[in-house]
Amino acid sequence: MQFPSGHSVSEDGRLAVIDFQTKSVMVWSTKSSDKRRTGRDTAVMVCPTGLHCPGNVAITRAGQLAVTDSKVQAASLFME
């Protein structure tokens, strides 16, 4: 990560961090199903947002990433 600017932790232990430099969200998962699938302790997923100024992120109960953009004063939902 070059410029982490916002983060969130979901109820099931996933950590989502915005990298402002690349305009993407990185999500780390510690779920046991991910460990079996990847053979690693954590699975990392990179989600490009295409937003100009991503600032805050949350993982919804439905598994979507909610990201706010302060430049356009909006929030976007991305499927995980």
Protein backbone atom coordinates (compact mmCIF):
# COMPACT_ATOMS: atom_id res chain seq x y z
CA MET A 1 0.00 0.00 0.00
CA GLN A 2 1.26 3.41 -0.92
CA PHE A 3 -1.17 5.75 0.87
CA PRO A 4 -3.68 4.03 3.18
CA SER A 5 -6.46 6.49 3.97
CA GLY A 6 -9.40 4.63 5.48
CA HIS A 7 -10.24 1.24 6.93
CA SER A 8 -13.01 -0.94 8.29
CA VAL A 9 -13.31 -4.33 9.99
CA SER A 10 -16.40 -6.45 9.38
CA GLU A 11 -18.16 -8.57 11.99
CA ASP A 12 -16.63 -11.73 10.51
CA GLY A 13 -13.07 -10.40 10.74
CA ARG A 14 -12.40 -9.04 7.26
CA LEU A 15 -10.21 -5.93 7.11
CA ALA A 16 -10.78 -3.45 4.26
CA VAL A 17 -8.24 -0.66 3.69
CA ILE A 18 -8.39 2.08 1.05
CA ASP A 19 -5.17 2.87 -0.82
CA PHE A 20 -5.70 6.47 -1.93
CA GLN A 21 -2.72 6.38 -4.32
CA THR A 22 -4.06 3.47 -6.39
CA LYS A 23 -7.76 4.29 -5.75
CA SER A 24 -8.36 0.70 -4.69
CA VAL A 25 -9.54 -1.21 -1.63
CA MET A 26 -7.59 -4.16 -0.28
CA VAL A 27 -9.57 -6.73 1.70
CA TRP A 28 -7.88 -9.26 3.98
CA SER A 29 -9.92 -12.25 5.04
CA THR A 30 -9.18 -14.62 7.90
CA LYS A 31 -12.13 -16.94 7.28
CA SER A 32 -11.29 -20.64 7.52
CA SER A 33 -12.79 -21.37 4.08
CA ASP A 34 -10.30 -18.91 2.54
CA LYS A 35 -7.42 -20.60 4.37
CA ARG A 36 -8.39 -23.96 2.88
CA ARG A 37 -8.79 -22.54 -0.61
CA THR A 38 -5.54 -20.53 -0.73
CA GLY A 39 -3.35 -22.53 1.65
CA ARG A 40 -2.40 -19.28 3.37
CA ASP A 41 -3.42 -17.74 6.68
CA THR A 42 -5.13 -14.83 4.93
CA ALA A 43 -6.58 -14.16 1.50
CA VAL A 44 -6.08 -10.69 -0.01
CA MET A 45 -8.39 -9.23 -2.63
CA VAL A 46 -7.71 -5.93 -4.46
CA CYS A 47 -10.76 -4.00 -5.65
CA PRO A 48 -10.14 -0.96 -7.93
CA THR A 49 -12.78 1.70 -7.21
CA GLY A 50 -12.30 4.18 -10.05
CA LEU A 51 -13.19 6.95 -7.58
CA HIS A 52 -11.27 10.26 -7.45
CA CYS A 53 -11.02 10.67 -3.68
CA PRO A 54 -11.92 7.43 -1.87
CA GLY A 55 -11.91 8.13 1.84
CA ASN A 56 -13.91 5.67 3.94
CA VAL A 57 -14.88 2.05 3.45
CA ALA A 58 -17.22 -0.45 5.08
CA ILE A 59 -18.17 -4.05 4.38
CA THR A 60 -21.94 -4.47 4.42
CA ARG A 61 -23.74 -7.52 5.80
CA ALA A 62 -24.41 -8.55 2.18
CA GLY A 63 -20.66 -8.59 1.47
CA GLN A 64 -20.52 -5.39 -0.58
CA LEU A 65 -17.84 -2.74 -0.19
CA ALA A 66 -19.30 0.70 0.53
CA VAL A 67 -16.81 3.46 -0.34
CA THR A 68 -17.30 7.20 0.07
CA ASP A 69 -15.78 9.77 -2.29
CA SER A 70 -15.35 13.23 -0.76
CA LYS A 71 -14.69 14.97 -4.10
CA VAL A 72 -18.07 14.13 -5.63
CA GLN A 73 -19.83 13.80 -2.25
CA ALA A 74 -21.13 10.32 -3.00
CA ALA A 75 -20.98 6.73 -1.83
CA SER A 76 -20.55 3.71 -4.11
CA LEU A 77 -21.24 0.01 -3.55
CA PHE A 78 -18.99 -2.65 -5.04
CA MET A 79 -19.60 -6.40 -5.07
CA GLU A 80 -16.96 -8.36 -3.24
